[in-house]
Amino acid sequence: MDARVKRPQDSDLTLIAPLAVLYEHPEWQKPLLAAMERRCVDHVVIDLKSAAFSEADWPAAALYFNQASPSAYVRGNARAVPYVLAYMRHLEAAGARVLNGSRVFELELSKTSQARLLRSLDVDHPRSVTFNSVEALRPRDDLTWPALLKPEQGGSGARIQVVGSLDELEQTLAAEPDLWLPDNLLVLQEYLKHDPERGIVRLEFIGGELLYAMRVVSHGRFNLCPSIVCNPVDGSSSEVCEVPEPGPPVDFYAYPEVPREAVETGRRIFRAAGLDVGGIEYIDTVDGRRVFYDINANSNLREPVAREYGGFDPFDRVVDFLEAQLSASRVA
């Protein structure tokens, strides 16, 4: 979709559609786009994998919905990430409203920024050290082992490993230099011991309100993407997931008994982050901590969990939210 609109004068401005969806992963967006078609929502889609804009281009829509993911680089689409960030800044400066816009996307791109936000909210989170050199870590006395090695720009659990010492970290990076991609920054994060049978909890929010909660039992995997195409319901191997992992399939369970205090903390994080639609993840440790560790703006919702949780289609709820935002934009 060519989303260029030239603006010679305000009176000449014509929008291509009320709503534009920015995307990079075609499979992830199919359920949402199908719901929009079903509901007859007038929209266009803008593929970020091959795109261009000028500072003279005027927004093609009144409202944009960003569905880009930091994990684009594992699919060979690394250029989509800096492009969409620049494009959203352009759109926002031109007066368009962008849901999960540039500020939110910058936060999602940075484990370091997420840790700083959680600290500012006095929310328990994993102790983290960001680094670009193993040697720079050696003088530090705040490292604990084992630790999780993560890319600063995370996504889909890509390139996460458990390391047991500085020497093992050095050997790992020497053997796998691509772990430094895409931005040559890595994070050592506190390893949190938890009951593997209970897994982690993911809270999905829309507009600051809880959509549903689910437990995710990883069976040792790190790719916990809820999308059906990445983690099929029948436990079969995904044909489209670019982060394959050995072992049993990830299990997803509706969690209607989620503690109210956890939901309220998730809501505080959601609002402080400026999210419009997103997921917040936490883990209950064996020593009694409730640790929040991940903020996701690109929510790949899982229909079976939502139906078990409350008997609804989660993508219909997203469309409800988008239609409400469109109505608000028209009034404004």
Protein backbone atom coordinates (compact mmCIF):
# COMPACT_ATOMS: atom_id res chain seq x y z
CA MET A 1 0.00 0.00 0.00
CA ASP A 2 1.45 3.37 -1.05
CA ALA A 3 0.42 5.61 1.83
CA ARG A 4 1.65 8.93 0.48
CA VAL A 5 -0.62 11.93 0.67
CA LYS A 6 0.66 15.33 -0.44
CA ARG A 7 -0.65 18.33 1.45
CA PRO A 8 -0.57 21.50 -0.64
CA GLN A 9 -3.29 23.12 1.50
CA ASP A 10 -5.45 22.06 4.42
CA SER A 11 -8.57 22.33 2.28
CA ASP A 12 -7.13 19.84 -0.24
CA LEU A 13 -6.34 17.13 2.33
CA THR A 14 -8.02 13.80 1.59
CA LEU A 15 -7.40 10.71 3.70
CA ILE A 16 -6.97 7.33 2.00
CA ALA A 17 -8.73 5.61 4.93
CA PRO A 18 -9.67 6.47 8.53
CA LEU A 19 -7.36 3.78 9.93
CA ALA A 20 -3.97 2.42 8.87
CA VAL A 21 -2.34 -0.70 10.34
CA LEU A 22 1.46 -0.78 10.33
CA TYR A 23 2.76 -4.33 10.15
CA GLU A 24 5.76 -6.49 9.28
CA HIS A 25 4.69 -10.07 10.04
CA PRO A 26 1.84 -11.04 7.67
CA GLU A 27 0.76 -14.16 9.57
CA TRP A 28 0.46 -12.44 12.95
CA GLN A 29 -1.95 -9.84 11.63
CA LYS A 30 -4.37 -12.15 9.84
CA PRO A 31 -6.81 -12.65 12.76
CA LEU A 32 -6.99 -8.91 13.43
CA LEU A 33 -7.43 -8.01 9.77
CA ALA A 34 -10.08 -10.71 9.40
CA ALA A 35 -12.00 -9.23 12.34
CA MET A 36 -11.75 -5.77 10.78
CA GLU A 37 -13.06 -7.10 7.46
CA ARG A 38 -15.86 -8.91 9.25
CA ARG A 39 -16.83 -5.70 11.02
CA CYS A 40 -16.49 -3.61 7.81
CA VAL A 41 -13.88 -1.27 9.32
CA ASP A 42 -12.49 0.95 6.56
CA HIS A 43 -8.71 0.61 6.74
CA VAL A 44 -5.45 0.23 4.85
CA VAL A 45 -2.39 -1.85 5.72
CA ILE A 46 1.17 -0.56 5.37
CA ASP A 47 3.87 -3.19 4.98
CA LEU A 48 7.03 -2.02 6.75
CA LYS A 49 9.36 -4.49 5.05
CA SER A 50 9.60 -2.32 1.93
CA ALA A 51 8.50 1.27 2.38
CA ALA A 52 9.49 4.90 1.92
CA PHE A 53 8.29 8.33 2.99
CA SER A 54 9.27 11.96 2.61
CA GLU A 55 9.09 14.80 5.10
CA ALA A 56 6.59 16.33 2.66
CA ASP A 57 4.23 13.34 2.80
CA TRP A 58 1.10 13.97 4.83
CA PRO A 59 -0.55 11.23 6.92
CA ALA A 60 -2.79 8.93 4.92
CA ALA A 61 -5.08 8.22 7.89
CA ALA A 62 -6.33 9.98 10.98
CA LEU A 63 -5.42 7.00 13.15
CA TYR A 64 -2.55 4.52 12.91
CA PHE A 65 -2.15 1.25 14.78
CA ASN A 66 1.45 0.08 15.12
CA GLN A 67 1.86 -3.69 15.00
CA ALA A 68 5.62 -3.81 14.36
CA SER A 69 7.72 -6.15 16.47
CA PRO A 70 11.29 -5.82 17.80
CA SER A 71 11.84 -9.43 16.67
CA ALA A 72 11.68 -8.41 12.99
CA TYR A 73 15.43 -8.92 12.72
CA VAL A 74 15.15 -12.67 13.27
CA ARG A 75 12.98 -12.84 10.13
CA GLY A 76 15.46 -10.96 7.96
CA ASN A 77 13.40 -7.76 8.32
CA ALA A 78 15.76 -5.75 10.52
CA ARG A 79 15.25 -2.63 8.41
CA ALA A 80 11.57 -2.51 9.37
CA VAL A 81 12.41 -1.55 12.96
CA PRO A 82 14.32 1.73 12.46
CA TYR A 83 12.00 2.57 9.56
CA VAL A 84 8.78 2.33 11.57
CA LEU A 85 10.32 4.33 14.41
CA ALA A 86 11.28 7.14 12.03
CA TYR A 87 7.92 6.92 10.25
CA MET A 88 5.90 7.11 13.46
CA ARG A 89 7.89 10.15 14.61
CA HIS A 90 7.08 11.76 11.27
CA LEU A 91 3.38 10.92 11.56
CA GLU A 92 3.15 12.20 15.13
CA ALA A 93 4.91 15.44 14.22
CA ALA A 94 2.43 15.87 11.36
CA GLY A 95 -0.50 15.56 13.79
CA ALA A 96 -1.63 11.96 13.25
CA ARG A 97 -2.46 9.82 16.23
CA VAL A 98 -0.47 6.58 16.42
CA LEU A 99 -1.60 3.86 18.81
CA ASN A 100 1.43 2.18 20.42
CA GLY A 101 3.44 4.95 18.82
CA SER A 102 7.10 5.95 18.83
CA ARG A 103 7.49 6.38 22.61
CA VAL A 104 5.94 2.98 23.29
CA PHE A 105 7.95 1.30 20.54
CA GLU A 106 11.20 2.77 21.88
CA LEU A 107 10.35 1.22 25.24
CA GLU A 108 9.60 -2.16 23.69
CA LEU A 109 12.93 -2.08 21.86
CA SER A 110 14.93 -1.70 25.06
CA LYS A 111 15.15 -4.12 27.98
CA THR A 112 17.19 -1.43 29.71
CA SER A 113 14.44 1.17 29.38
CA GLN A 114 11.87 -1.31 30.66
CA ALA A 115 13.99 -2.04 33.74
CA ARG A 116 14.36 1.69 34.39
CA LEU A 117 10.58 2.22 34.10
CA LEU A 118 9.84 -0.66 36.50
CA ARG A 119 12.37 0.71 38.97
CA SER A 120 10.77 4.17 38.78
CA LEU A 121 7.40 2.58 39.63
CA ASP A 122 8.95 0.66 42.56
CA VAL A 123 7.88 -2.61 40.91
CA ASP A 124 9.99 -5.69 41.63
CA HIS A 125 11.91 -6.59 38.46
CA PRO A 126 15.00 -8.64 37.54
CA ARG A 127 18.32 -7.01 38.31
CA SER A 128 19.91 -6.28 34.94
CA VAL A 129 23.27 -5.13 33.59
CA THR A 130 23.58 -3.85 30.01
CA PHE A 131 26.97 -4.25 28.34
CA ASN A 132 28.91 -4.09 25.08
CA SER A 133 32.04 -5.82 26.37
CA VAL A 134 32.60 -8.82 28.61
CA GLU A 135 35.74 -7.21 29.99
CA ALA A 136 33.65 -4.30 31.28
CA LEU A 137 31.72 -6.77 33.44
CA ARG A 138 34.72 -8.21 35.26
CA PRO A 139 35.14 -5.41 37.85
CA ARG A 140 31.45 -5.49 38.80
CA ASP A 141 30.40 -7.04 42.10
CA ASP A 142 26.64 -7.10 41.40
CA LEU A 143 26.55 -10.08 39.03
CA THR A 144 24.84 -13.29 40.11
CA TRP A 145 25.02 -16.70 38.48
CA PRO A 146 23.40 -18.34 36.68
CA ALA A 147 22.08 -15.41 34.65
CA LEU A 148 19.93 -14.95 31.57
CA LEU A 149 21.71 -13.53 28.56
CA LYS A 150 19.30 -11.47 26.46
CA PRO A 151 19.55 -9.07 23.52
CA GLU A 152 18.80 -5.48 24.47
CA GLN A 153 16.34 -5.44 21.56
CA GLY A 154 14.40 -8.58 22.39
CA GLY A 155 11.41 -10.30 20.87
CA SER A 156 9.97 -13.82 20.59
CA GLY A 157 12.55 -15.13 23.05
CA ALA A 158 15.22 -14.92 20.36
CA ARG A 159 18.82 -15.58 21.41
CA ILE A 160 18.11 -15.92 25.13
CA GLN A 161 20.47 -18.27 26.92
CA VAL A 162 21.36 -19.26 30.46
CA VAL A 163 25.02 -18.70 31.33
CA GLY A 164 26.77 -19.80 34.50
CA SER A 165 29.82 -17.55 34.73
CA LEU A 166 31.77 -14.77 33.05
CA ASP A 167 34.06 -17.31 31.44
CA GLU A 168 31.07 -19.20 30.02
CA LEU A 169 29.61 -15.92 28.77
CA GLU A 170 32.88 -15.07 27.02
CA GLN A 171 33.07 -18.53 25.44
CA THR A 172 29.44 -18.34 24.32
CA LEU A 173 29.90 -14.98 22.60
CA ALA A 174 33.12 -16.09 20.97
CA ALA A 175 31.36 -19.16 19.55
CA GLU A 176 28.20 -17.26 18.57
CA PRO A 177 29.12 -13.68 17.60
CA ASP A 178 25.68 -13.17 16.03
CA LEU A 179 24.29 -12.97 19.55
CA TRP A 180 25.43 -9.35 19.51
CA LEU A 181 22.89 -8.56 16.79
CA PRO A 182 20.99 -6.44 16.03
CA ASP A 183 22.46 -3.50 17.99
CA ASN A 184 25.63 -4.80 19.72
CA LEU A 185 24.08 -4.46 23.17
CA LEU A 186 23.35 -7.37 25.49
CA VAL A 187 21.77 -7.69 28.92
CA LEU A 188 22.66 -10.00 31.79
CA GLN A 189 19.49 -10.49 33.77
CA GLU A 190 18.89 -12.07 37.15
CA TYR A 191 17.81 -15.71 36.82
CA LEU A 192 14.52 -16.17 38.65
CA LYS A 193 13.76 -19.57 40.14
CA HIS A 194 10.10 -20.52 39.89
CA ASP A 195 7.81 -23.54 39.82
CA PRO A 196 8.07 -24.79 36.22
CA GLU A 197 4.60 -26.35 36.46
CA ARG A 198 3.05 -22.94 37.15
CA GLY A 199 5.09 -21.06 34.56
CA ILE A 200 4.77 -17.33 34.04
CA VAL A 201 1.71 -15.10 33.84
CA ARG A 202 0.85 -12.79 30.96
CA LEU A 203 -1.73 -10.03 31.38
CA GLU A 204 -3.28 -8.61 28.22
CA PHE A 205 -4.67 -5.08 28.41
CA ILE A 206 -6.65 -2.90 26.02
CA GLY A 207 -7.00 0.77 26.84
CA GLY A 208 -5.84 0.18 30.40
CA GLU A 209 -8.36 -2.55 31.18
CA LEU A 210 -7.57 -6.23 31.57
CA LEU A 211 -8.65 -8.31 28.58
CA TYR A 212 -7.56 -11.65 30.03
CA ALA A 213 -4.81 -13.32 32.02
CA MET A 214 -3.10 -16.57 31.14
CA ARG A 215 -0.50 -18.90 32.52
CA VAL A 216 2.28 -19.91 30.15
CA VAL A 217 4.22 -23.09 30.91
CA SER A 218 7.39 -22.97 28.84
CA HIS A 219 8.90 -26.46 29.37
CA GLY A 220 12.29 -24.77 29.17
CA ARG A 221 11.62 -22.73 26.06
CA PHE A 222 12.05 -18.98 25.76
CA ASN A 223 9.82 -18.32 22.73
CA LEU A 224 6.51 -17.77 24.49
CA CYS A 225 4.80 -15.99 21.59
CA PRO A 226 1.04 -16.54 22.08
CA SER A 227 0.26 -16.44 18.35
CA ILE A 228 -1.34 -19.64 17.12
CA VAL A 229 0.99 -19.66 14.12
CA CYS A 230 4.06 -19.66 16.39
CA ASN A 231 2.78 -22.03 19.05
CA PRO A 232 -0.05 -24.11 17.49
CA VAL A 233 -2.85 -25.38 19.72
CA ASP A 234 -2.14 -29.02 18.82
CA GLY A 235 1.49 -28.72 19.91
CA SER A 236 2.83 -29.31 16.40
CA SER A 237 5.89 -27.53 15.06
CA SER A 238 5.27 -24.10 13.63
CA GLU A 239 5.92 -23.63 9.93
CA VAL A 240 6.25 -19.86 10.18
CA CYS A 241 8.08 -19.27 13.46
CA GLU A 242 11.65 -18.12 12.93
CA VAL A 243 12.69 -19.00 16.51
CA PRO A 244 12.42 -22.81 16.60
CA GLU A 245 13.24 -24.50 19.89
CA PRO A 246 13.54 -28.18 20.80
CA GLY A 247 11.44 -29.80 23.47
CA PRO A 248 7.77 -30.11 24.40
CA PRO A 249 5.36 -27.43 23.14
CA VAL A 250 4.56 -24.36 25.22
CA ASP A 251 1.25 -24.64 27.11
CA PHE A 252 -1.16 -21.71 27.48
CA TYR A 253 -3.96 -21.70 30.08
CA ALA A 254 -6.64 -19.16 30.92
CA TYR A 255 -6.06 -17.76 34.41
CA PRO A 256 -9.28 -16.16 35.68
CA GLU A 257 -8.02 -16.49 39.29
CA VAL A 258 -5.22 -13.99 38.65
CA PRO A 259 -4.60 -11.98 41.86
CA ARG A 260 -6.17 -8.53 41.87
CA GLU A 261 -2.91 -7.01 43.14
CA ALA A 262 -1.01 -8.40 40.14
CA VAL A 263 -3.58 -6.95 37.75
CA GLU A 264 -3.37 -3.55 39.41
CA THR A 265 0.43 -3.55 39.15
CA GLY A 266 0.17 -4.55 35.50
CA ARG A 267 -2.29 -1.72 34.92
CA ARG A 268 0.11 0.79 36.52
CA ILE A 269 2.92 -0.40 34.25
CA PHE A 270 0.64 -0.29 31.20
CA ARG A 271 -0.39 3.30 31.85
CA ALA A 272 3.10 4.51 32.76
CA ALA A 273 4.44 2.98 29.55
CA GLY A 274 1.81 4.80 27.49
CA LEU A 275 0.53 1.58 25.93
CA ASP A 276 -2.78 1.39 24.07
CA VAL A 277 -2.81 -2.38 23.55
CA GLY A 278 -0.23 -4.66 25.12
CA GLY A 279 0.87 -7.47 27.36
CA ILE A 280 2.69 -7.41 30.71
CA GLU A 281 4.50 -10.53 31.98
CA TYR A 282 5.42 -11.50 35.51
CA ILE A 283 6.71 -14.50 37.40
CA ASP A 284 6.14 -15.71 40.96
CA THR A 285 9.46 -16.95 42.33
CA VAL A 286 10.06 -19.80 44.76
CA ASP A 287 11.15 -17.31 47.43
CA GLY A 288 7.88 -15.37 47.31
CA ARG A 289 8.67 -12.49 44.97
CA ARG A 290 6.29 -11.34 42.23
CA VAL A 291 8.64 -10.06 39.54
CA PHE A 292 7.48 -8.15 36.45
CA TYR A 293 9.97 -8.52 33.64
CA ASP A 294 8.55 -7.85 30.16
CA ILE A 295 6.44 -5.16 28.47
CA ASN A 296 5.00 -6.03 25.07
CA ALA A 297 3.32 -3.54 22.74
CA ASN A 298 2.76 -6.08 19.98
CA SER A 299 0.19 -8.41 21.51
CA ASN A 300 -0.33 -11.63 19.60
CA LEU A 301 -3.58 -12.56 21.25
CA ARG A 302 -4.58 -16.19 21.67
CA GLU A 303 -8.21 -16.90 20.79
CA PRO A 304 -8.60 -20.23 22.68
CA VAL A 305 -7.41 -18.64 25.92
CA ALA A 306 -9.76 -15.66 25.58
CA ARG A 307 -12.71 -17.96 24.87
CA GLU A 308 -11.86 -20.08 27.92
CA TYR A 309 -11.32 -16.97 30.06
CA GLY A 310 -14.49 -15.11 29.12
CA GLY A 311 -16.12 -16.60 26.04
CA PHE A 312 -15.07 -13.86 23.61
CA ASP A 313 -12.91 -13.32 20.54
CA PRO A 314 -10.01 -11.09 21.61
CA PHE A 315 -9.61 -9.60 18.15
CA ASP A 316 -13.22 -8.40 18.22
CA ARG A 317 -12.33 -6.57 21.43
CA VAL A 318 -9.37 -4.92 19.68
CA VAL A 319 -11.69 -3.83 16.87
CA ASP A 320 -14.10 -2.42 19.48
CA PHE A 321 -11.21 -0.37 20.86
CA LEU A 322 -10.09 0.81 17.42
CA GLU A 323 -13.61 1.88 16.49
CA ALA A 324 -13.90 3.81 19.76
CA GLN A 325 -10.59 5.55 19.06
CA LEU A 326 -11.76 6.42 15.54
CA SER A 327 -14.94 7.93 16.93
CA ALA A 328 -12.95 9.96 19.44
CA SER A 329 -10.64 11.18 16.65
CA ARG A 330 -13.62 12.37 14.60
CA VAL A 331 -15.02 14.30 17.56
CA ALA A 332 -11.65 15.90 18.22
